[in-house]
Amino acid sequence: MNGSGLDFERPIIELEQKISELRKFSETRSIDLSGEIKQFEDRLEKLKQDIFKKLTPWQKVQIARHPRRPYTLDYIRLAMTEFVELHGDRHFRDDPAIVCGLARIDNEKVMVIGHQKGRDTKENLYRSFGSPHPEGYRKAMRLMWMAERFGLPIVTFIDTPGAYPGVEAEERGQAEAIAFNLREMSLLKVPVIVTVIGEGGSGGALGIGVGNHTCMLENAYYSVISPEGCAAILWRDRTNACDAAAALKITAPDLLQFKIIDEIIPEPLGGAHRDHEATAGALKKALLKNLKRLKSLSSEELIEQRYEKFRIIGKWEQLKRKETEDGSNHDAGAVQP
């Protein structure tokens, strides 16, 4: 892997470069350095295990944002065939921050919808850094209705820091567009599988995130607010993002425990950005497994299952009533178990 990488990746990258130099030297000088190369490769494997098996929540956030991480169009190219992109919300314009279209996963026909970021500054500006405008959510909902009309399962990929926060987006009804999608997705009569592939930021993520089954890649994150935004509110200092990431419980294991997600898809050692093909293979396997299971349910069962899935999030229980000094009874309040 080329480039400087993340701070905690640099020892790995330096060792990889050393191995590459030894191989090149061995080939050009016709000297057998296989023994030395093997020793460095063993050291590299151990170093990867030491670093990537003990990542902090903030380090996982950094991996989720890695510029070489695969995006929606990468997964479509690697895990699907016959993709035909569909455009426009039929009200205002097309939004490049959300891509939608028809595709096949092996023999399964699906409607695929996902956030899309850019690889360089020009493309990021074109795609609003993966932050959709209202027309993006309206386009997504239009094509979900189309999928429902033709009995096609829906697959969505979440990868956004949040919905576009500009004045023009608010003028065109950003909050209403997201809220409308939440209601209408809950009533879809076809299977909906959601996968968090990178960043899952706030309502911008949830706007295409109401489904029957929610998967999450191992190093993705899913949160009501970014760690930096949380730190700015709680500590008035964005440099406390590391502490905020830990407190928010935004990583896949925490969210699986809270039943906010249903499945963790493993990534190659070092993260999805180090092996796009292997990550796409694991994602494809999970999608096919869950499509097969959900297609056996009736429309009524799909809606009921989706309803129950979201009803169990955020349970509360009432504390026992206590008697005050004046002899009257009052509830002590509600706490989250």
Protein backbone atom coordinates (compact mmCIF):
# COMPACT_ATOMS: atom_id res chain seq x y z
CA MET A 1 0.00 0.00 0.00
CA ASN A 2 1.38 3.39 -0.99
CA GLY A 3 1.03 6.67 0.83
CA SER A 4 1.70 7.82 4.36
CA GLY A 5 -1.50 6.28 5.73
CA LEU A 6 -2.99 6.96 9.13
CA ASP A 7 -0.70 7.70 12.08
CA PHE A 8 -1.07 4.26 13.62
CA GLU A 9 -0.54 2.60 10.21
CA ARG A 10 2.85 4.16 9.55
CA PRO A 11 4.97 1.43 11.20
CA ILE A 12 3.18 -1.10 8.98
CA ILE A 13 3.66 0.97 5.83
CA GLU A 14 7.35 1.49 6.58
CA LEU A 15 7.85 -2.25 7.01
CA GLU A 16 5.91 -2.96 3.79
CA GLN A 17 8.15 -0.53 1.94
CA LYS A 18 11.24 -2.23 3.38
CA ILE A 19 10.01 -5.62 2.16
CA SER A 20 9.28 -4.15 -1.29
CA GLU A 21 12.79 -2.69 -1.47
CA LEU A 22 14.36 -6.02 -0.49
CA ARG A 23 12.39 -7.86 -3.18
CA LYS A 24 13.39 -5.33 -5.82
CA PHE A 25 17.05 -5.50 -4.73
CA SER A 26 16.92 -9.31 -4.81
CA GLU A 27 15.51 -9.33 -8.35
CA THR A 28 17.83 -6.70 -9.81
CA ARG A 29 21.03 -8.12 -8.26
CA SER A 30 20.01 -11.79 -8.56
CA ILE A 31 20.68 -12.31 -4.85
CA ASP A 32 18.61 -14.74 -2.80
CA LEU A 33 17.15 -12.78 0.12
CA SER A 34 14.13 -15.04 0.67
CA GLY A 35 15.16 -15.80 4.26
CA GLU A 36 15.44 -12.15 5.21
CA ILE A 37 12.21 -11.30 3.39
CA LYS A 38 10.39 -14.10 5.24
CA GLN A 39 11.57 -12.72 8.58
CA PHE A 40 10.29 -9.26 7.70
CA GLU A 41 6.97 -10.71 6.52
CA ASP A 42 6.55 -12.54 9.83
CA ARG A 43 7.29 -9.30 11.69
CA LEU A 44 4.77 -7.49 9.47
CA GLU A 45 2.01 -10.02 10.20
CA LYS A 46 2.62 -9.79 13.95
CA LEU A 47 2.66 -5.99 13.78
CA LYS A 48 -0.68 -5.96 11.94
CA GLN A 49 -2.20 -8.27 14.54
CA ASP A 50 -0.89 -6.10 17.39
CA ILE A 51 -2.25 -2.88 15.89
CA PHE A 52 -5.51 -3.81 14.19
CA LYS A 53 -6.85 -6.21 16.80
CA LYS A 54 -6.69 -3.47 19.46
CA LEU A 55 -8.10 -0.44 17.67
CA THR A 56 -9.74 2.29 19.74
CA PRO A 57 -13.16 3.66 18.67
CA TRP A 58 -11.47 6.82 17.35
CA GLN A 59 -9.03 4.78 15.27
CA LYS A 60 -11.98 2.88 13.77
CA VAL A 61 -13.59 6.20 12.88
CA GLN A 62 -10.37 7.14 11.07
CA ILE A 63 -10.42 3.85 9.14
CA ALA A 64 -14.09 4.37 8.25
CA ARG A 65 -13.07 7.71 6.69
CA HIS A 66 -9.97 6.39 4.93
CA PRO A 67 -9.77 7.95 1.43
CA ARG A 68 -8.92 4.58 -0.14
CA ARG A 69 -11.81 2.76 1.49
CA PRO A 70 -14.23 1.22 -1.05
CA TYR A 71 -17.38 3.22 -1.71
CA THR A 72 -20.82 2.24 -3.01
CA LEU A 73 -19.80 2.20 -6.68
CA ASP A 74 -16.80 0.02 -5.81
CA TYR A 75 -19.01 -2.57 -4.13
CA ILE A 76 -21.44 -2.46 -7.04
CA ARG A 77 -18.55 -3.11 -9.45
CA LEU A 78 -17.02 -5.89 -7.36
CA ALA A 79 -20.09 -7.68 -5.95
CA MET A 80 -22.82 -7.04 -8.54
CA THR A 81 -23.42 -7.25 -12.28
CA GLU A 82 -25.63 -5.58 -14.89
CA PHE A 83 -25.82 -2.32 -12.95
CA VAL A 84 -27.95 0.37 -14.60
CA GLU A 85 -27.87 3.72 -12.80
CA LEU A 86 -31.13 5.65 -12.52
CA HIS A 87 -31.22 9.40 -11.98
CA GLY A 88 -33.37 12.24 -10.71
CA ASP A 89 -36.07 12.87 -8.13
CA ARG A 90 -38.61 14.16 -10.73
CA HIS A 91 -38.97 17.37 -8.71
CA PHE A 92 -35.72 19.33 -8.78
CA ARG A 93 -32.56 17.54 -10.02
CA ASP A 94 -30.33 14.52 -9.69
CA ASP A 95 -28.14 14.34 -6.58
CA PRO A 96 -24.76 12.66 -7.20
CA ALA A 97 -24.27 12.12 -3.45
CA ILE A 98 -26.70 9.18 -3.67
CA VAL A 99 -26.40 6.63 -6.48
CA CYS A 100 -29.30 4.33 -7.34
CA GLY A 101 -29.92 1.66 -9.89
CA LEU A 102 -30.90 -1.86 -10.88
CA ALA A 103 -28.38 -4.67 -10.47
CA ARG A 104 -27.90 -8.39 -9.96
CA ILE A 105 -26.16 -10.17 -7.10
CA ASP A 106 -25.56 -13.54 -8.75
CA ASN A 107 -29.11 -14.43 -9.82
CA GLU A 108 -30.86 -12.03 -7.44
CA LYS A 109 -32.31 -8.87 -9.01
CA VAL A 110 -32.15 -5.89 -6.62
CA MET A 111 -32.54 -2.14 -6.42
CA VAL A 112 -29.29 -0.79 -4.97
CA ILE A 113 -29.08 2.65 -3.32
CA GLY A 114 -26.09 4.16 -1.56
CA HIS A 115 -24.17 7.25 -0.55
CA GLN A 116 -21.20 8.02 -2.78
CA LYS A 117 -18.09 10.04 -1.93
CA GLY A 118 -15.34 11.19 -4.29
CA ARG A 119 -11.70 10.13 -4.68
CA ASP A 120 -10.33 13.62 -5.30
CA THR A 121 -11.29 17.23 -4.60
CA LYS A 122 -13.15 17.70 -7.90
CA GLU A 123 -15.27 14.56 -7.43
CA ASN A 124 -15.88 15.29 -3.75
CA LEU A 125 -17.24 18.73 -4.64
CA TYR A 126 -19.44 17.12 -7.29
CA ARG A 127 -20.78 14.58 -4.78
CA SER A 128 -20.90 16.99 -1.80
CA PHE A 129 -18.44 14.74 0.07
CA GLY A 130 -21.18 12.11 0.29
CA SER A 131 -23.65 14.46 2.01
CA PRO A 132 -27.00 14.28 0.18
CA HIS A 133 -29.38 17.14 -0.57
CA PRO A 134 -33.18 16.65 -0.21
CA GLU A 135 -33.43 15.60 -3.85
CA GLY A 136 -31.06 12.71 -3.10
CA TYR A 137 -33.45 11.29 -0.52
CA ARG A 138 -36.43 11.92 -2.82
CA LYS A 139 -34.66 10.11 -5.66
CA ALA A 140 -33.94 7.20 -3.33
CA MET A 141 -37.58 7.01 -2.22
CA ARG A 142 -38.85 7.22 -5.79
CA LEU A 143 -36.75 4.22 -6.74
CA MET A 144 -37.69 2.29 -3.60
CA TRP A 145 -41.32 2.66 -4.66
CA MET A 146 -40.33 1.44 -8.12
CA ALA A 147 -38.64 -1.60 -6.57
CA GLU A 148 -41.77 -2.31 -4.52
CA ARG A 149 -43.93 -2.06 -7.63
CA PHE A 150 -41.84 -4.70 -9.40
CA GLY A 151 -41.27 -6.89 -6.32
CA LEU A 152 -37.52 -6.26 -6.12
CA PRO A 153 -35.57 -6.41 -2.85
CA ILE A 154 -33.79 -3.20 -1.88
CA VAL A 155 -30.12 -3.02 -0.83
CA THR A 156 -28.81 0.24 0.64
CA PHE A 157 -25.24 1.27 1.49
CA ILE A 158 -24.69 3.92 4.16
CA ASP A 159 -21.53 6.04 3.95
CA THR A 160 -22.08 9.69 4.82
CA PRO A 161 -20.87 12.17 7.46
CA GLY A 162 -24.44 13.50 7.44
CA ALA A 163 -27.00 15.18 5.22
CA TYR A 164 -25.87 18.36 3.44
CA PRO A 165 -26.16 21.22 5.99
CA GLY A 166 -26.37 24.20 3.62
CA VAL A 167 -29.11 26.84 3.57
CA GLU A 168 -30.29 25.77 0.11
CA ALA A 169 -30.85 22.20 1.35
CA GLU A 170 -32.95 23.49 4.24
CA GLU A 171 -34.91 25.72 1.85
CA ARG A 172 -35.80 22.65 -0.21
CA GLY A 173 -36.96 20.68 2.84
CA GLN A 174 -34.03 18.58 4.05
CA ALA A 175 -35.62 17.53 7.35
CA GLU A 176 -38.96 16.78 5.69
CA ALA A 177 -37.30 14.65 2.99
CA ILE A 178 -35.50 12.52 5.58
CA ALA A 179 -38.58 12.19 7.82
CA PHE A 180 -40.70 11.22 4.81
CA ASN A 181 -38.23 8.45 3.93
CA LEU A 182 -38.30 7.11 7.49
CA ARG A 183 -42.07 6.74 7.35
CA GLU A 184 -42.28 5.35 3.83
CA MET A 185 -39.38 2.89 4.20
CA SER A 186 -41.09 1.41 7.25
CA LEU A 187 -44.07 0.52 5.05
CA LEU A 188 -42.28 -1.02 2.06
CA LYS A 189 -43.63 -4.44 1.09
CA VAL A 190 -40.31 -5.83 -0.15
CA PRO A 191 -37.18 -6.88 1.76
CA VAL A 192 -34.80 -4.05 2.67
CA ILE A 193 -31.19 -4.82 3.64
CA VAL A 194 -29.08 -1.95 4.98
CA THR A 195 -25.28 -2.04 5.23
CA VAL A 196 -23.12 0.61 6.91
CA ILE A 197 -19.95 0.51 4.78
CA GLY A 198 -18.11 3.53 6.19
CA GLU A 199 -19.47 6.56 8.00
CA GLY A 200 -23.02 6.44 9.33
CA GLY A 201 -23.74 10.00 10.35
CA SER A 202 -27.03 11.10 11.94
CA GLY A 203 -30.25 11.51 9.94
CA GLY A 204 -28.22 11.64 6.76
CA ALA A 205 -27.53 7.95 7.26
CA LEU A 206 -30.96 6.98 8.58
CA GLY A 207 -32.64 8.56 5.55
CA ILE A 208 -31.87 5.33 3.65
CA GLY A 209 -31.38 3.18 6.76
CA VAL A 210 -34.78 1.76 7.73
CA GLY A 211 -34.64 -1.92 6.83
CA ASN A 212 -35.40 -5.49 7.85
CA HIS A 213 -31.74 -6.37 8.42
CA THR A 214 -28.87 -4.01 9.18
CA CYS A 215 -25.31 -5.13 8.50
CA MET A 216 -22.20 -3.16 9.39
CA LEU A 217 -18.63 -3.55 8.23
CA GLU A 218 -16.21 -4.25 11.06
CA ASN A 219 -14.47 -0.85 10.98
CA ALA A 220 -17.46 1.34 10.08
CA TYR A 221 -19.24 3.58 12.57
CA TYR A 222 -22.91 4.56 13.04
CA SER A 223 -23.86 7.48 15.25
CA VAL A 224 -26.38 10.22 15.96
CA ILE A 225 -23.52 12.75 15.68
CA SER A 226 -19.88 12.76 14.64
CA PRO A 227 -17.27 12.50 17.42
CA GLU A 228 -16.04 16.00 16.56
CA GLY A 229 -19.56 17.44 16.76
CA CYS A 230 -20.18 15.73 20.08
CA ALA A 231 -16.86 17.01 21.47
CA ALA A 232 -17.66 20.55 20.34
CA ILE A 233 -20.97 20.43 22.24
CA LEU A 234 -19.84 18.65 25.43
CA TRP A 235 -16.29 19.97 25.84
CA ARG A 236 -16.43 22.99 23.52
CA ASP A 237 -13.29 21.56 21.96
CA ARG A 238 -13.23 19.31 18.88
CA THR A 239 -9.85 17.92 19.93
CA ASN A 240 -11.74 15.76 22.45
CA ALA A 241 -13.14 13.69 19.56
CA CYS A 242 -11.23 10.63 20.80
CA ASP A 243 -13.07 10.73 24.14
CA ALA A 244 -16.38 11.40 22.40
CA ALA A 245 -15.94 8.40 20.08
CA ALA A 246 -15.47 6.13 23.08
CA ALA A 247 -18.45 7.59 24.96
CA LEU A 248 -20.85 7.46 22.01
CA LYS A 249 -20.55 3.65 21.59
CA ILE A 250 -20.50 3.94 17.79
CA THR A 251 -18.51 0.85 16.82
CA ALA A 252 -19.97 -2.35 15.41
CA PRO A 253 -19.60 -4.55 18.56
CA ASP A 254 -21.35 -1.95 20.75
CA LEU A 255 -24.17 -1.45 18.24
CA LEU A 256 -24.66 -5.20 17.86
CA GLN A 257 -24.97 -5.50 21.64
CA PHE A 258 -27.60 -2.71 21.67
CA LYS A 259 -29.47 -4.44 18.78
CA ILE A 260 -29.16 -1.34 16.60
CA ILE A 261 -27.47 -3.51 13.98
CA ASP A 262 -28.00 -7.21 13.31
CA GLU A 263 -24.72 -8.42 11.84
CA ILE A 264 -21.03 -7.50 11.62
CA ILE A 265 -19.28 -8.19 8.31
CA PRO A 266 -15.56 -8.87 8.87
CA GLU A 267 -12.94 -6.84 7.05
CA PRO A 268 -9.47 -8.01 5.97
CA LEU A 269 -6.76 -7.42 8.56
CA GLY A 270 -5.88 -3.75 8.28
CA GLY A 271 -9.26 -2.58 6.99
CA ALA A 272 -11.33 -2.65 3.82
CA HIS A 273 -9.02 -0.12 2.13
CA ARG A 274 -6.25 -2.74 2.05
CA ASP A 275 -8.25 -5.34 0.11
CA HIS A 276 -11.34 -4.18 -1.77
CA GLU A 277 -11.99 -7.56 -3.38
CA ALA A 278 -11.98 -9.55 -0.13
CA THR A 279 -14.28 -7.03 1.56
CA ALA A 280 -16.69 -7.08 -1.39
CA GLY A 281 -16.71 -10.88 -1.26
CA ALA A 282 -17.67 -10.89 2.42
CA LEU A 283 -20.36 -8.27 1.77
CA LYS A 284 -21.79 -10.23 -1.15
CA LYS A 285 -21.97 -13.40 0.93
CA ALA A 286 -23.88 -11.60 3.70
CA LEU A 287 -26.31 -9.99 1.22
CA LEU A 288 -27.12 -13.27 -0.52
CA LYS A 289 -27.67 -15.05 2.79
CA ASN A 290 -30.08 -12.42 4.06
CA LEU A 291 -31.89 -11.99 0.74
CA LYS A 292 -32.67 -15.70 0.72
CA ARG A 293 -34.05 -15.53 4.27
CA LEU A 294 -36.12 -12.35 3.84
CA LYS A 295 -37.63 -13.35 0.49
CA SER A 296 -39.42 -16.18 2.27
CA LEU A 297 -41.47 -13.66 4.31
CA SER A 298 -44.79 -12.22 3.15
CA SER A 299 -45.29 -8.47 2.70
CA GLU A 300 -47.19 -8.28 5.99
CA GLU A 301 -44.44 -10.21 7.81
CA LEU A 302 -41.74 -7.93 6.38
CA ILE A 303 -43.52 -4.79 7.60
CA GLU A 304 -44.20 -6.29 11.03
CA GLN A 305 -40.62 -7.54 11.40
CA ARG A 306 -39.28 -4.10 10.44
CA TYR A 307 -41.62 -2.45 12.94
CA GLU A 308 -40.59 -4.76 15.78
CA LYS A 309 -36.89 -4.33 14.94
CA PHE A 310 -37.03 -0.60 15.56
CA ARG A 311 -39.42 -0.82 18.51
CA ILE A 312 -36.86 -2.70 20.61
CA ILE A 313 -34.23 0.05 20.24
CA GLY A 314 -33.96 2.28 23.30
CA LYS A 315 -35.89 0.35 25.95
CA TRP A 316 -36.76 2.12 29.18
CA GLU A 317 -38.09 0.90 32.49
CA GLN A 318 -39.84 2.68 35.33
CA LEU A 319 -38.22 2.86 38.75
CA LYS A 320 -40.26 1.81 41.77
CA ARG A 321 -42.53 4.40 43.30
CA LYS A 322 -41.20 6.04 46.44
CA GLU A 323 -43.00 7.77 49.28
CA THR A 324 -42.08 11.39 49.94
CA GLU A 325 -42.05 13.17 53.28
CA ASP A 326 -45.61 14.40 52.81
CA GLY A 327 -46.82 10.82 52.38
CA SER A 328 -47.60 11.07 48.66
CA ASN A 329 -46.24 8.62 46.11
CA HIS A 330 -44.15 9.77 43.13
CA ASP A 331 -42.40 7.93 40.34
CA ALA A 332 -38.65 8.08 40.80
CA GLY A 333 -38.18 8.51 37.06
CA ALA A 334 -37.15 6.44 34.08
CA VAL A 335 -33.73 5.04 33.34
CA GLN A 336 -32.28 3.11 30.47
CA PRO A 337 -31.31 -0.42 31.53
